[in-house]
All heavy atoms as atom14 arrays in JSON, in Angstrom:
{
  "sequence": "ASLLAEGLGYFVVVRPNAALAACHLLAERSAREARLGLWRQSPVQS",
  "atom14_mask": [
    [1, 1, 1, 1, 1, 0, 0, 0, 0, 0, 0, 0, 0, 0],
    [1, 1, 1, 1, 1, 1, 0, 0, 0, 0, 0, 0, 0, 0],
    [1, 1, 1, 1, 1, 1, 1, 1, 0, 0, 0, 0, 0, 0],
    [1, 1, 1, 1, 1, 1, 1, 1, 0, 0, 0, 0, 0, 0],
    [1, 1, 1, 1, 1, 0, 0, 0, 0, 0, 0, 0, 0, 0],
    [1, 1, 1, 1, 1, 1, 1, 1, 1, 0, 0, 0, 0, 0],
    [1, 1, 1, 1, 0, 0, 0, 0, 0, 0, 0, 0, 0, 0],
    [1, 1, 1, 1, 1, 1, 1, 1, 0, 0, 0, 0, 0, 0],
    [1, 1, 1, 1, 0, 0, 0, 0, 0, 0, 0, 0, 0, 0],
    [1, 1, 1, 1, 1, 1, 1, 1, 1, 1, 1, 1, 0, 0],
    [1, 1, 1, 1, 1, 1, 1, 1, 1, 1, 1, 0, 0, 0],
    [1, 1, 1, 1, 1, 1, 1, 0, 0, 0, 0, 0, 0, 0],
    [1, 1, 1, 1, 1, 1, 1, 0, 0, 0, 0, 0, 0, 0],
    [1, 1, 1, 1, 1, 1, 1, 0, 0, 0, 0, 0, 0, 0],
    [1, 1, 1, 1, 1, 1, 1, 1, 1, 1, 1, 0, 0, 0],
    [1, 1, 1, 1, 1, 1, 1, 0, 0, 0, 0, 0, 0, 0],
    [1, 1, 1, 1, 1, 1, 1, 1, 0, 0, 0, 0, 0, 0],
    [1, 1, 1, 1, 1, 0, 0, 0, 0, 0, 0, 0, 0, 0],
    [1, 1, 1, 1, 1, 0, 0, 0, 0, 0, 0, 0, 0, 0],
    [1, 1, 1, 1, 1, 1, 1, 1, 0, 0, 0, 0, 0, 0],
    [1, 1, 1, 1, 1, 0, 0, 0, 0, 0, 0, 0, 0, 0],
    [1, 1, 1, 1, 1, 0, 0, 0, 0, 0, 0, 0, 0, 0],
    [1, 1, 1, 1, 1, 1, 0, 0, 0, 0, 0, 0, 0, 0],
    [1, 1, 1, 1, 1, 1, 1, 1, 1, 1, 0, 0, 0, 0],
    [1, 1, 1, 1, 1, 1, 1, 1, 0, 0, 0, 0, 0, 0],
    [1, 1, 1, 1, 1, 1, 1, 1, 0, 0, 0, 0, 0, 0],
    [1, 1, 1, 1, 1, 0, 0, 0, 0, 0, 0, 0, 0, 0],
    [1, 1, 1, 1, 1, 1, 1, 1, 1, 0, 0, 0, 0, 0],
    [1, 1, 1, 1, 1, 1, 1, 1, 1, 1, 1, 0, 0, 0],
    [1, 1, 1, 1, 1, 1, 0, 0, 0, 0, 0, 0, 0, 0],
    [1, 1, 1, 1, 1, 0, 0, 0, 0, 0, 0, 0, 0, 0],
    [1, 1, 1, 1, 1, 1, 1, 1, 1, 1, 1, 0, 0, 0],
    [1, 1, 1, 1, 1, 1, 1, 1, 1, 0, 0, 0, 0, 0],
    [1, 1, 1, 1, 1, 0, 0, 0, 0, 0, 0, 0, 0, 0],
    [1, 1, 1, 1, 1, 1, 1, 1, 1, 1, 1, 0, 0, 0],
    [1, 1, 1, 1, 1, 1, 1, 1, 0, 0, 0, 0, 0, 0],
    [1, 1, 1, 1, 0, 0, 0, 0, 0, 0, 0, 0, 0, 0],
    [1, 1, 1, 1, 1, 1, 1, 1, 0, 0, 0, 0, 0, 0],
    [1, 1, 1, 1, 1, 1, 1, 1, 1, 1, 1, 1, 1, 1],
    [1, 1, 1, 1, 1, 1, 1, 1, 1, 1, 1, 0, 0, 0],
    [1, 1, 1, 1, 1, 1, 1, 1, 1, 0, 0, 0, 0, 0],
    [1, 1, 1, 1, 1, 1, 0, 0, 0, 0, 0, 0, 0, 0],
    [1, 1, 1, 1, 1, 1, 1, 0, 0, 0, 0, 0, 0, 0],
    [1, 1, 1, 1, 1, 1, 1, 0, 0, 0, 0, 0, 0, 0],
    [1, 1, 1, 1, 1, 1, 1, 1, 1, 0, 0, 0, 0, 0],
    [1, 1, 1, 1, 1, 1, 0, 0, 0, 0, 0, 0, 0, 0]
  ],
  "atom14_positions": [
    [[5.95, -4.8, 4.48], [4.94, -4.04, 5.23], [5.52, -2.7, 5.7], [4.82, -1.69, 5.73], [4.43, -4.84, 6.41], [0.0, 0.0, 0.0], [0.0, 0.0, 0.0], [0.0, 0.0, 0.0], [0.0, 0.0, 0.0], [0.0, 0.0, 0.0], [0.0, 0.0, 0.0], [0.0, 0.0, 0.0], [0.0, 0.0, 0.0], [0.0, 0.0, 0.0]],
    [[6.8, -2.7, 6.07], [7.43, -1.46, 6.5], [7.42, -0.42, 5.4], [7.05, 0.74, 5.62], [8.88, -1.72, 6.94], [8.92, -2.49, 8.11], [0.0, 0.0, 0.0], [0.0, 0.0, 0.0], [0.0, 0.0, 0.0], [0.0, 0.0, 0.0], [0.0, 0.0, 0.0], [0.0, 0.0, 0.0], [0.0, 0.0, 0.0], [0.0, 0.0, 0.0]],
    [[7.79, -0.81, 4.19], [7.81, 0.15, 3.08], [6.39, 0.58, 2.7], [6.15, 1.76, 2.4], [8.53, -0.45, 1.87], [10.05, -0.25, 1.89], [10.73, -1.31, 2.74], [10.64, -0.27, 0.49], [0.0, 0.0, 0.0], [0.0, 0.0, 0.0], [0.0, 0.0, 0.0], [0.0, 0.0, 0.0], [0.0, 0.0, 0.0], [0.0, 0.0, 0.0]],
    [[5.46, -0.37, 2.71], [4.07, -0.01, 2.39], [3.51, 0.98, 3.4], [2.82, 1.94, 3.04], [3.2, -1.28, 2.36], [3.42, -2.22, 1.18], [2.71, -3.55, 1.43], [2.93, -1.59, -0.12], [0.0, 0.0, 0.0], [0.0, 0.0, 0.0], [0.0, 0.0, 0.0], [0.0, 0.0, 0.0], [0.0, 0.0, 0.0], [0.0, 0.0, 0.0]],
    [[3.78, 0.77, 4.68], [3.24, 1.63, 5.73], [3.87, 3.01, 5.71], [3.29, 3.96, 6.26], [3.45, 0.98, 7.1], [0.0, 0.0, 0.0], [0.0, 0.0, 0.0], [0.0, 0.0, 0.0], [0.0, 0.0, 0.0], [0.0, 0.0, 0.0], [0.0, 0.0, 0.0], [0.0, 0.0, 0.0], [0.0, 0.0, 0.0], [0.0, 0.0, 0.0]],
    [[5.03, 3.15, 5.09], [5.67, 4.45, 4.97], [5.35, 5.13, 3.64], [5.87, 6.21, 3.34], [7.19, 4.3, 5.12], [7.6, 3.85, 6.52], [9.1, 3.68, 6.67], [9.85, 4.44, 6.02], [9.52, 2.78, 7.41], [0.0, 0.0, 0.0], [0.0, 0.0, 0.0], [0.0, 0.0, 0.0], [0.0, 0.0, 0.0], [0.0, 0.0, 0.0]],
    [[4.51, 4.5, 2.84], [4.11, 5.1, 1.57], [5.19, 5.05, 0.52], [5.23, 5.9, -0.38], [0.0, 0.0, 0.0], [0.0, 0.0, 0.0], [0.0, 0.0, 0.0], [0.0, 0.0, 0.0], [0.0, 0.0, 0.0], [0.0, 0.0, 0.0], [0.0, 0.0, 0.0], [0.0, 0.0, 0.0], [0.0, 0.0, 0.0], [0.0, 0.0, 0.0]],
    [[6.07, 4.04, 0.58], [7.18, 3.96, -0.36], [6.99, 2.88, -1.42], [7.93, 2.55, -2.14], [8.49, 3.72, 0.41], [8.88, 4.84, 1.38], [10.15, 4.5, 2.13], [9.03, 6.16, 0.62], [0.0, 0.0, 0.0], [0.0, 0.0, 0.0], [0.0, 0.0, 0.0], [0.0, 0.0, 0.0], [0.0, 0.0, 0.0], [0.0, 0.0, 0.0]],
    [[5.81, 2.35, -1.5], [5.51, 1.34, -2.51], [4.01, 1.08, -2.54], [3.27, 1.53, -1.66], [0.0, 0.0, 0.0], [0.0, 0.0, 0.0], [0.0, 0.0, 0.0], [0.0, 0.0, 0.0], [0.0, 0.0, 0.0], [0.0, 0.0, 0.0], [0.0, 0.0, 0.0], [0.0, 0.0, 0.0], [0.0, 0.0, 0.0], [0.0, 0.0, 0.0]],
    [[3.6, 0.36, -3.57], [2.2, 0.01, -3.75], [1.97, -1.46, -3.41], [2.79, -2.32, -3.75], [1.76, 0.26, -5.2], [1.88, 1.69, -5.63], [2.9, 2.08, -6.5], [0.99, 2.65, -5.18], [3.02, 3.39, -6.92], [1.1, 3.98, -5.58], [2.11, 4.34, -6.45], [2.23, 5.64, -6.85], [0.0, 0.0, 0.0], [0.0, 0.0, 0.0]],
    [[0.86, -1.73, -2.78], [0.46, -3.1, -2.5], [0.05, -3.78, -3.8], [-0.7, -3.22, -4.61], [-0.73, -3.09, -1.53], [-1.53, -4.36, -1.54], [-1.04, -5.51, -0.95], [-2.78, -4.4, -2.14], [-1.78, -6.69, -0.96], [-3.53, -5.56, -2.15], [-3.02, -6.71, -1.56], [0.0, 0.0, 0.0], [0.0, 0.0, 0.0], [0.0, 0.0, 0.0]],
    [[0.56, -5.0, -4.01], [0.14, -5.82, -5.15], [0.0, -7.26, -4.66], [0.66, -7.67, -3.7], [1.14, -5.76, -6.32], [1.18, -4.39, -6.95], [2.54, -6.19, -5.89], [0.0, 0.0, 0.0], [0.0, 0.0, 0.0], [0.0, 0.0, 0.0], [0.0, 0.0, 0.0], [0.0, 0.0, 0.0], [0.0, 0.0, 0.0], [0.0, 0.0, 0.0]],
    [[-0.84, -8.0, -5.32], [-0.96, -9.42, -5.0], [-1.28, -10.17, -6.28], [-2.18, -9.79, -7.04], [-2.03, -9.68, -3.91], [-3.38, -9.1, -4.28], [-2.15, -11.18, -3.63], [0.0, 0.0, 0.0], [0.0, 0.0, 0.0], [0.0, 0.0, 0.0], [0.0, 0.0, 0.0], [0.0, 0.0, 0.0], [0.0, 0.0, 0.0], [0.0, 0.0, 0.0]],
    [[-0.49, -11.2, -6.54], [-0.68, -12.05, -7.71], [-0.78, -13.49, -7.22], [0.13, -13.97, -6.55], [0.5, -11.91, -8.7], [0.28, -12.83, -9.91], [0.67, -10.46, -9.15], [0.0, 0.0, 0.0], [0.0, 0.0, 0.0], [0.0, 0.0, 0.0], [0.0, 0.0, 0.0], [0.0, 0.0, 0.0], [0.0, 0.0, 0.0], [0.0, 0.0, 0.0]],
    [[-1.9, -14.13, -7.49], [-2.07, -15.51, -7.08], [-0.99, -16.38, -7.71], [-0.58, -16.13, -8.83], [-3.45, -16.02, -7.49], [-4.61, -15.33, -6.8], [-5.94, -15.88, -7.27], [-6.07, -17.29, -6.89], [-6.69, -18.21, -7.62], [-7.21, -17.89, -8.78], [-6.79, -19.44, -7.21], [0.0, 0.0, 0.0], [0.0, 0.0, 0.0], [0.0, 0.0, 0.0]],
    [[-0.53, -17.39, -6.96], [-1.03, -17.88, -5.67], [-0.33, -17.27, -4.46], [-0.56, -17.73, -3.34], [-0.75, -19.38, -5.77], [0.54, -19.45, -6.53], [0.45, -18.35, -7.56], [0.0, 0.0, 0.0], [0.0, 0.0, 0.0], [0.0, 0.0, 0.0], [0.0, 0.0, 0.0], [0.0, 0.0, 0.0], [0.0, 0.0, 0.0], [0.0, 0.0, 0.0]],
    [[0.52, -16.26, -4.67], [1.31, -15.71, -3.57], [0.52, -14.64, -2.81], [0.77, -13.44, -2.94], [2.63, -15.13, -4.1], [3.53, -16.21, -4.67], [3.34, -17.39, -4.39], [4.5, -15.81, -5.47], [0.0, 0.0, 0.0], [0.0, 0.0, 0.0], [0.0, 0.0, 0.0], [0.0, 0.0, 0.0], [0.0, 0.0, 0.0], [0.0, 0.0, 0.0]],
    [[-0.43, -15.1, -2.01], [-1.35, -14.19, -1.34], [-1.38, -14.37, 0.18], [-2.3, -13.89, 0.84], [-2.76, -14.37, -1.9], [0.0, 0.0, 0.0], [0.0, 0.0, 0.0], [0.0, 0.0, 0.0], [0.0, 0.0, 0.0], [0.0, 0.0, 0.0], [0.0, 0.0, 0.0], [0.0, 0.0, 0.0], [0.0, 0.0, 0.0], [0.0, 0.0, 0.0]],
    [[-0.37, -15.0, 0.75], [-0.39, -15.33, 2.17], [-0.49, -14.1, 3.07], [-1.14, -14.13, 4.11], [0.85, -16.15, 2.54], [0.0, 0.0, 0.0], [0.0, 0.0, 0.0], [0.0, 0.0, 0.0], [0.0, 0.0, 0.0], [0.0, 0.0, 0.0], [0.0, 0.0, 0.0], [0.0, 0.0, 0.0], [0.0, 0.0, 0.0], [0.0, 0.0, 0.0]],
    [[0.15, -12.99, 2.68], [0.15, -11.78, 3.51], [-0.66, -10.65, 2.87], [-0.5, -9.48, 3.24], [1.59, -11.3, 3.77], [2.48, -12.24, 4.58], [3.85, -11.6, 4.8], [1.84, -12.61, 5.91], [0.0, 0.0, 0.0], [0.0, 0.0, 0.0], [0.0, 0.0, 0.0], [0.0, 0.0, 0.0], [0.0, 0.0, 0.0], [0.0, 0.0, 0.0]],
    [[-1.53, -10.98, 1.93], [-2.25, -9.95, 1.18], [-3.07, -9.03, 2.09], [-3.01, -7.8, 1.95], [-3.16, -10.6, 0.14], [0.0, 0.0, 0.0], [0.0, 0.0, 0.0], [0.0, 0.0, 0.0], [0.0, 0.0, 0.0], [0.0, 0.0, 0.0], [0.0, 0.0, 0.0], [0.0, 0.0, 0.0], [0.0, 0.0, 0.0], [0.0, 0.0, 0.0]],
    [[-3.83, -9.6, 3.02], [-4.68, -8.77, 3.88], [-3.84, -7.83, 4.74], [-4.17, -6.65, 4.91], [-5.55, -9.66, 4.76], [0.0, 0.0, 0.0], [0.0, 0.0, 0.0], [0.0, 0.0, 0.0], [0.0, 0.0, 0.0], [0.0, 0.0, 0.0], [0.0, 0.0, 0.0], [0.0, 0.0, 0.0], [0.0, 0.0, 0.0], [0.0, 0.0, 0.0]],
    [[-2.75, -8.35, 5.27], [-1.86, -7.55, 6.11], [-1.18, -6.44, 5.31], [-1.09, -5.3, 5.75], [-0.83, -8.46, 6.75], [0.36, -7.61, 7.77], [0.0, 0.0, 0.0], [0.0, 0.0, 0.0], [0.0, 0.0, 0.0], [0.0, 0.0, 0.0], [0.0, 0.0, 0.0], [0.0, 0.0, 0.0], [0.0, 0.0, 0.0], [0.0, 0.0, 0.0]],
    [[-0.71, -6.76, 4.13], [-0.05, -5.76, 3.28], [-1.03, -4.67, 2.84], [-0.67, -3.49, 2.77], [0.56, -6.44, 2.05], [1.83, -7.17, 2.35], [2.37, -8.1, 1.49], [2.68, -7.1, 3.4], [3.51, -8.57, 2.0], [3.7, -7.99, 3.17], [0.0, 0.0, 0.0], [0.0, 0.0, 0.0], [0.0, 0.0, 0.0], [0.0, 0.0, 0.0]],
    [[-2.26, -5.07, 2.54], [-3.26, -4.09, 2.14], [-3.54, -3.12, 3.29], [-3.66, -1.9, 3.08], [-4.55, -4.78, 1.72], [-5.71, -3.87, 1.29], [-5.3, -2.98, 0.14], [-6.93, -4.7, 0.91], [0.0, 0.0, 0.0], [0.0, 0.0, 0.0], [0.0, 0.0, 0.0], [0.0, 0.0, 0.0], [0.0, 0.0, 0.0], [0.0, 0.0, 0.0]],
    [[-3.61, -3.62, 4.5], [-3.83, -2.77, 5.66], [-2.65, -1.83, 5.88], [-2.84, -0.65, 6.23], [-4.07, -3.62, 6.91], [-4.37, -2.86, 8.21], [-5.58, -1.96, 8.03], [-4.6, -3.84, 9.35], [0.0, 0.0, 0.0], [0.0, 0.0, 0.0], [0.0, 0.0, 0.0], [0.0, 0.0, 0.0], [0.0, 0.0, 0.0], [0.0, 0.0, 0.0]],
    [[-1.43, -2.32, 5.65], [-0.25, -1.46, 5.78], [-0.3, -0.31, 4.79], [-0.03, 0.85, 5.14], [1.01, -2.28, 5.58], [0.0, 0.0, 0.0], [0.0, 0.0, 0.0], [0.0, 0.0, 0.0], [0.0, 0.0, 0.0], [0.0, 0.0, 0.0], [0.0, 0.0, 0.0], [0.0, 0.0, 0.0], [0.0, 0.0, 0.0], [0.0, 0.0, 0.0]],
    [[-0.66, -0.62, 3.54], [-0.78, 0.45, 2.55], [-1.91, 1.41, 2.9], [-1.77, 2.63, 2.75], [-1.03, -0.13, 1.15], [-1.1, 0.95, 0.08], [-1.77, 0.5, -1.19], [-3.02, 0.37, -1.2], [-1.05, 0.27, -2.17], [0.0, 0.0, 0.0], [0.0, 0.0, 0.0], [0.0, 0.0, 0.0], [0.0, 0.0, 0.0], [0.0, 0.0, 0.0]],
    [[-3.01, 0.87, 3.38], [-4.16, 1.72, 3.71], [-3.81, 2.73, 4.78], [-4.25, 3.87, 4.75], [-5.33, 0.84, 4.16], [-6.63, 1.6, 4.38], [-7.76, 0.63, 4.65], [-7.98, -0.24, 3.5], [-8.61, -1.4, 3.56], [-9.05, -1.85, 4.73], [-8.79, -2.13, 2.48], [0.0, 0.0, 0.0], [0.0, 0.0, 0.0], [0.0, 0.0, 0.0]],
    [[-2.97, 2.32, 5.74], [-2.57, 3.26, 6.79], [-1.78, 4.42, 6.2], [-1.98, 5.58, 6.59], [-1.74, 2.53, 7.85], [-0.48, 2.14, 7.36], [0.0, 0.0, 0.0], [0.0, 0.0, 0.0], [0.0, 0.0, 0.0], [0.0, 0.0, 0.0], [0.0, 0.0, 0.0], [0.0, 0.0, 0.0], [0.0, 0.0, 0.0], [0.0, 0.0, 0.0]],
    [[-0.88, 4.14, 5.25], [-0.11, 5.21, 4.61], [-1.02, 6.08, 3.74], [-0.85, 7.31, 3.69], [0.99, 4.6, 3.75], [0.0, 0.0, 0.0], [0.0, 0.0, 0.0], [0.0, 0.0, 0.0], [0.0, 0.0, 0.0], [0.0, 0.0, 0.0], [0.0, 0.0, 0.0], [0.0, 0.0, 0.0], [0.0, 0.0, 0.0], [0.0, 0.0, 0.0]],
    [[-1.97, 5.45, 3.08], [-2.88, 6.19, 2.21], [-3.74, 7.15, 3.02], [-3.91, 8.32, 2.63], [-3.76, 5.2, 1.44], [-4.6, 5.81, 0.36], [-5.24, 4.73, -0.51], [-5.95, 5.29, -1.65], [-6.42, 4.57, -2.65], [-6.25, 3.25, -2.67], [-7.05, 5.16, -3.66], [0.0, 0.0, 0.0], [0.0, 0.0, 0.0], [0.0, 0.0, 0.0]],
    [[-4.25, 6.69, 4.15], [-5.09, 7.55, 4.97], [-4.3, 8.69, 5.61], [-4.82, 9.78, 5.81], [-5.78, 6.71, 6.05], [-6.81, 5.73, 5.49], [-7.41, 4.83, 6.54], [-6.94, 4.87, 7.7], [-8.35, 4.07, 6.2], [0.0, 0.0, 0.0], [0.0, 0.0, 0.0], [0.0, 0.0, 0.0], [0.0, 0.0, 0.0], [0.0, 0.0, 0.0]],
    [[-3.02, 8.43, 5.91], [-2.17, 9.46, 6.51], [-1.48, 10.32, 5.46], [-0.76, 11.25, 5.8], [-1.12, 8.81, 7.4], [0.0, 0.0, 0.0], [0.0, 0.0, 0.0], [0.0, 0.0, 0.0], [0.0, 0.0, 0.0], [0.0, 0.0, 0.0], [0.0, 0.0, 0.0], [0.0, 0.0, 0.0], [0.0, 0.0, 0.0], [0.0, 0.0, 0.0]],
    [[-1.67, 9.99, 4.17], [-1.07, 10.72, 3.05], [0.46, 10.77, 3.18], [1.08, 11.82, 3.06], [-1.65, 12.12, 2.93], [-3.14, 12.12, 2.62], [-3.67, 13.48, 2.29], [-5.07, 13.41, 1.9], [-5.79, 14.46, 1.51], [-5.24, 15.66, 1.46], [-7.05, 14.31, 1.17], [0.0, 0.0, 0.0], [0.0, 0.0, 0.0], [0.0, 0.0, 0.0]],
    [[1.03, 9.59, 3.37], [2.47, 9.48, 3.49], [3.08, 9.12, 2.13], [2.49, 8.37, 1.36], [2.85, 8.41, 4.51], [2.33, 8.58, 5.94], [2.73, 7.39, 6.79], [2.87, 9.88, 6.54], [0.0, 0.0, 0.0], [0.0, 0.0, 0.0], [0.0, 0.0, 0.0], [0.0, 0.0, 0.0], [0.0, 0.0, 0.0], [0.0, 0.0, 0.0]],
    [[4.27, 9.62, 1.87], [5.03, 9.23, 0.7], [4.26, 9.39, -0.6], [3.84, 10.48, -0.97], [0.0, 0.0, 0.0], [0.0, 0.0, 0.0], [0.0, 0.0, 0.0], [0.0, 0.0, 0.0], [0.0, 0.0, 0.0], [0.0, 0.0, 0.0], [0.0, 0.0, 0.0], [0.0, 0.0, 0.0], [0.0, 0.0, 0.0], [0.0, 0.0, 0.0]],
    [[4.09, 8.28, -1.31], [3.41, 8.28, -2.61], [1.98, 8.79, -2.54], [1.41, 9.18, -3.57], [3.39, 6.85, -3.17], [4.74, 6.26, -3.59], [4.65, 4.75, -3.66], [5.18, 6.84, -4.91], [0.0, 0.0, 0.0], [0.0, 0.0, 0.0], [0.0, 0.0, 0.0], [0.0, 0.0, 0.0], [0.0, 0.0, 0.0], [0.0, 0.0, 0.0]],
    [[1.41, 8.79, -1.33], [0.01, 9.16, -1.17], [-0.17, 10.63, -0.8], [-1.29, 11.06, -0.53], [-0.64, 8.27, -0.12], [-0.52, 6.83, -0.48], [0.36, 5.92, 0.01], [-1.31, 6.12, -1.44], [0.19, 4.69, -0.58], [-0.82, 4.79, -1.47], [-2.37, 6.49, -2.28], [-1.37, 3.82, -2.33], [-2.91, 5.53, -3.11], [-2.42, 4.22, -3.13]],
    [[0.91, 11.41, -0.77], [0.77, 12.85, -0.5], [-0.13, 13.5, -1.53], [-0.93, 14.37, -1.24], [2.15, 13.53, -0.52], [3.04, 13.16, 0.66], [4.38, 13.83, 0.56], [5.3, 13.34, 1.58], [6.57, 13.65, 1.65], [7.11, 14.44, 0.71], [7.34, 13.17, 2.61], [0.0, 0.0, 0.0], [0.0, 0.0, 0.0], [0.0, 0.0, 0.0]],
    [[0.03, 13.06, -2.77], [-0.88, 13.43, -3.85], [-1.37, 12.12, -4.46], [-0.57, 11.22, -4.72], [-0.18, 14.28, -4.92], [0.26, 15.65, -4.42], [0.89, 16.48, -5.52], [1.45, 15.94, -6.47], [0.78, 17.78, -5.4], [0.0, 0.0, 0.0], [0.0, 0.0, 0.0], [0.0, 0.0, 0.0], [0.0, 0.0, 0.0], [0.0, 0.0, 0.0]],
    [[-2.65, 12.02, -4.68], [-3.21, 10.75, -5.14], [-2.57, 10.29, -6.45], [-2.54, 11.03, -7.43], [-4.71, 10.87, -5.33], [-5.23, 9.65, -5.86], [0.0, 0.0, 0.0], [0.0, 0.0, 0.0], [0.0, 0.0, 0.0], [0.0, 0.0, 0.0], [0.0, 0.0, 0.0], [0.0, 0.0, 0.0], [0.0, 0.0, 0.0], [0.0, 0.0, 0.0]],
    [[-2.04, 9.06, -6.47], [-1.47, 8.52, -7.71], [-2.52, 7.88, -8.61], [-2.19, 7.4, -9.7], [-0.49, 7.47, -7.19], [-1.14, 6.96, -5.94], [-1.84, 8.15, -5.33], [0.0, 0.0, 0.0], [0.0, 0.0, 0.0], [0.0, 0.0, 0.0], [0.0, 0.0, 0.0], [0.0, 0.0, 0.0], [0.0, 0.0, 0.0], [0.0, 0.0, 0.0]],
    [[-3.77, 7.86, -8.17], [-4.83, 7.23, -8.95], [-5.17, 8.11, -10.15], [-5.45, 9.29, -9.99], [-6.08, 6.98, -8.1], [-7.17, 6.29, -8.92], [-5.74, 6.16, -6.87], [0.0, 0.0, 0.0], [0.0, 0.0, 0.0], [0.0, 0.0, 0.0], [0.0, 0.0, 0.0], [0.0, 0.0, 0.0], [0.0, 0.0, 0.0], [0.0, 0.0, 0.0]],
    [[-5.14, 7.53, -11.34], [-5.46, 8.3, -12.54], [-6.71, 7.77, -13.21], [-7.09, 6.61, -13.03], [-4.29, 8.26, -13.53], [-3.96, 6.9, -14.08], [-2.79, 6.9, -15.06], [-1.69, 6.47, -14.74], [-3.05, 7.4, -16.25], [0.0, 0.0, 0.0], [0.0, 0.0, 0.0], [0.0, 0.0, 0.0], [0.0, 0.0, 0.0], [0.0, 0.0, 0.0]],
    [[-7.35, 8.62, -13.97], [-8.54, 8.22, -14.69], [-8.19, 7.22, -15.78], [-7.15, 7.34, -16.44], [-9.2, 9.46, -15.32], [-10.19, 9.07, -16.26], [0.0, 0.0, 0.0], [0.0, 0.0, 0.0], [0.0, 0.0, 0.0], [0.0, 0.0, 0.0], [0.0, 0.0, 0.0], [0.0, 0.0, 0.0], [0.0, 0.0, 0.0], [0.0, 0.0, 0.0]]
  ]
}
């Protein structure tokens, strides 16, 4: 969660290992909204 919240990685979830999925997604979302790290420029491609 620390790395996700700092924009230093991407959130991923592969079943069945989903115990912290909601929390990790929120951590990434905070970095994405603040445009931290990887999110300074959108990494989403067509």
